[in-house]
């Protein structure tokens, strides 16, 4: 089943992420982000589509943006944690 989850971002230029995923394969089907650096986020989107939620989470968790302990990739990892909490 295909589901979408909306995550409100905190402490980043991106404001909101919608992760669309397949509950059977646990893979990301689409990613849409409001705000943030367009080119970087389109690149992240292109890379994560087709990847497993867990793999994306593990690769992006704790990535920093400059001197901040947060980033758009880190926010995506947090969104995946929230998805996992809903699904389990």
C-alpha atoms as a PDB file:
ATOM      1  CA  UNK A   1       0.000   0.000   0.000  1.00  0.00           C
ATOM      2  CA  UNK A   2       1.269   3.466  -0.864  1.00  0.00           C
ATOM      3  CA  UNK A   3       1.111   6.009   1.980  1.00  0.00           C
ATOM      4  CA  UNK A   4       2.241   9.586   2.457  1.00  0.00           C
ATOM      5  CA  UNK A   5       3.531  11.193   5.628  1.00  0.00           C
ATOM      6  CA  UNK A   6       3.907  14.934   6.188  1.00  0.00           C
ATOM      7  CA  UNK A   7       6.749  16.075   8.457  1.00  0.00           C
ATOM      8  CA  UNK A   8       7.039  19.652   9.712  1.00  0.00           C
ATOM      9  CA  UNK A   9      10.721  20.607   9.703  1.00  0.00           C
ATOM     10  CA  UNK A  10      12.353  22.405  12.614  1.00  0.00           C
ATOM     11  CA  UNK A  11      15.540  24.461  12.519  1.00  0.00           C
ATOM     12  CA  UNK A  12      16.139  24.199   8.767  1.00  0.00           C
ATOM     13  CA  UNK A  13      15.421  26.229   5.651  1.00  0.00           C
ATOM     14  CA  UNK A  14      12.986  23.538   4.526  1.00  0.00           C
ATOM     15  CA  UNK A  15       9.587  23.917   6.140  1.00  0.00           C
ATOM     16  CA  UNK A  16       7.789  20.686   5.321  1.00  0.00           C
ATOM     17  CA  UNK A  17       8.543  17.271   3.809  1.00  0.00           C
ATOM     18  CA  UNK A  18       6.082  14.788   2.415  1.00  0.00           C
ATOM     19  CA  UNK A  19       7.478  11.280   2.194  1.00  0.00           C
ATOM     20  CA  UNK A  20       5.519   8.849   0.014  1.00  0.00           C
ATOM     21  CA  UNK A  21       6.408   5.224   0.672  1.00  0.00           C
ATOM     22  CA  UNK A  22       5.307   1.678  -0.062  1.00  0.00           C
ATOM     23  CA  UNK A  23       4.366  -0.197   3.107  1.00  0.00           C
ATOM     24  CA  UNK A  24       5.010  -3.580   1.484  1.00  0.00           C
ATOM     25  CA  UNK A  25       8.538  -2.927   0.206  1.00  0.00           C
ATOM     26  CA  UNK A  26       9.371  -0.201   2.788  1.00  0.00           C
ATOM     27  CA  UNK A  27      10.816   1.894  -0.030  1.00  0.00           C
ATOM     28  CA  UNK A  28      10.466   5.588  -0.730  1.00  0.00           C
ATOM     29  CA  UNK A  29       8.280   6.277  -3.750  1.00  0.00           C
ATOM     30  CA  UNK A  30       8.501  10.084  -3.719  1.00  0.00           C
ATOM     31  CA  UNK A  31       9.745  13.012  -1.651  1.00  0.00           C
ATOM     32  CA  UNK A  32       8.441  16.569  -1.835  1.00  0.00           C
ATOM     33  CA  UNK A  33       9.934  19.405   0.183  1.00  0.00           C
ATOM     34  CA  UNK A  34       8.635  22.929   0.720  1.00  0.00           C
ATOM     35  CA  UNK A  35      11.400  25.481   1.225  1.00  0.00           C
ATOM     36  CA  UNK A  36      15.098  24.777   1.435  1.00  0.00           C
ATOM     37  CA  UNK A  37      17.776  24.754  -1.251  1.00  0.00           C
ATOM     38  CA  UNK A  38      16.024  23.619  -4.411  1.00  0.00           C
ATOM     39  CA  UNK A  39      18.992  22.011  -6.134  1.00  0.00           C
ATOM     40  CA  UNK A  40      20.198  20.106  -3.084  1.00  0.00           C
ATOM     41  CA  UNK A  41      16.730  18.855  -2.243  1.00  0.00           C
ATOM     42  CA  UNK A  42      16.030  17.771  -5.826  1.00  0.00           C
ATOM     43  CA  UNK A  43      19.312  15.864  -5.654  1.00  0.00           C
ATOM     44  CA  UNK A  44      18.349  14.201  -2.373  1.00  0.00           C
ATOM     45  CA  UNK A  45      14.946  13.321  -3.865  1.00  0.00           C
ATOM     46  CA  UNK A  46      16.562  11.718  -6.915  1.00  0.00           C
ATOM     47  CA  UNK A  47      18.884   9.674  -4.694  1.00  0.00           C
ATOM     48  CA  UNK A  48      16.342   8.410  -2.139  1.00  0.00           C
ATOM     49  CA  UNK A  49      13.530   7.342  -4.479  1.00  0.00           C
ATOM     50  CA  UNK A  50      13.635   3.560  -4.582  1.00  0.00           C
ATOM     51  CA  UNK A  51      15.749   3.248  -1.435  1.00  0.00           C
ATOM     52  CA  UNK A  52      14.541   1.547   1.724  1.00  0.00           C
ATOM     53  CA  UNK A  53      13.332   3.771   4.528  1.00  0.00           C
ATOM     54  CA  UNK A  54      15.888   2.232   6.896  1.00  0.00           C
ATOM     55  CA  UNK A  55      18.807   2.743   4.529  1.00  0.00           C
ATOM     56  CA  UNK A  56      17.900   6.404   3.976  1.00  0.00           C
ATOM     57  CA  UNK A  57      17.479   6.900   7.731  1.00  0.00           C
ATOM     58  CA  UNK A  58      20.825   5.326   8.560  1.00  0.00           C
ATOM     59  CA  UNK A  59      22.691   7.361   5.929  1.00  0.00           C
ATOM     60  CA  UNK A  60      21.132  10.753   6.753  1.00  0.00           C
ATOM     61  CA  UNK A  61      20.734  10.764  10.534  1.00  0.00           C
ATOM     62  CA  UNK A  62      22.955  13.338  12.267  1.00  0.00           C
ATOM     63  CA  UNK A  63      24.169  15.083   9.099  1.00  0.00           C
ATOM     64  CA  UNK A  64      24.984  18.674  10.013  1.00  0.00           C
ATOM     65  CA  UNK A  65      24.506  21.879   8.033  1.00  0.00           C
ATOM     66  CA  UNK A  66      27.452  24.137   8.727  1.00  0.00           C
ATOM     67  CA  UNK A  67      27.904  24.476  12.478  1.00  0.00           C
ATOM     68  CA  UNK A  68      24.302  23.460  13.238  1.00  0.00           C
ATOM     69  CA  UNK A  69      23.489  19.993  14.571  1.00  0.00           C
ATOM     70  CA  UNK A  70      20.612  19.804  12.094  1.00  0.00           C
ATOM     71  CA  UNK A  71      20.040  19.737   8.330  1.00  0.00           C
ATOM     72  CA  UNK A  72      17.409  18.907   5.744  1.00  0.00           C
ATOM     73  CA  UNK A  73      18.821  15.352   5.412  1.00  0.00           C
ATOM     74  CA  UNK A  74      18.647  14.965   9.215  1.00  0.00           C
ATOM     75  CA  UNK A  75      15.020  16.147   9.134  1.00  0.00           C
ATOM     76  CA  UNK A  76      14.268  13.457   6.541  1.00  0.00           C
ATOM     77  CA  UNK A  77      15.787  10.861   8.872  1.00  0.00           C
ATOM     78  CA  UNK A  78      13.557  12.148  11.683  1.00  0.00           C
ATOM     79  CA  UNK A  79      10.521  11.930   9.385  1.00  0.00           C
ATOM     80  CA  UNK A  80      11.394   8.276   8.740  1.00  0.00           C
ATOM     81  CA  UNK A  81      11.618   7.650  12.498  1.00  0.00           C
ATOM     82  CA  UNK A  82       8.104   9.101  12.815  1.00  0.00           C
ATOM     83  CA  UNK A  83       6.893   6.856   9.966  1.00  0.00           C
ATOM     84  CA  UNK A  84       8.415   3.809  11.683  1.00  0.00           C
ATOM     85  CA  UNK A  85       6.644   4.721  14.919  1.00  0.00           C
ATOM     86  CA  UNK A  86       3.311   4.903  13.061  1.00  0.00           C
ATOM     87  CA  UNK A  87       3.815   1.647  11.199  1.00  0.00           C
ATOM     88  CA  UNK A  88       4.931  -0.443  14.193  1.00  0.00           C
END
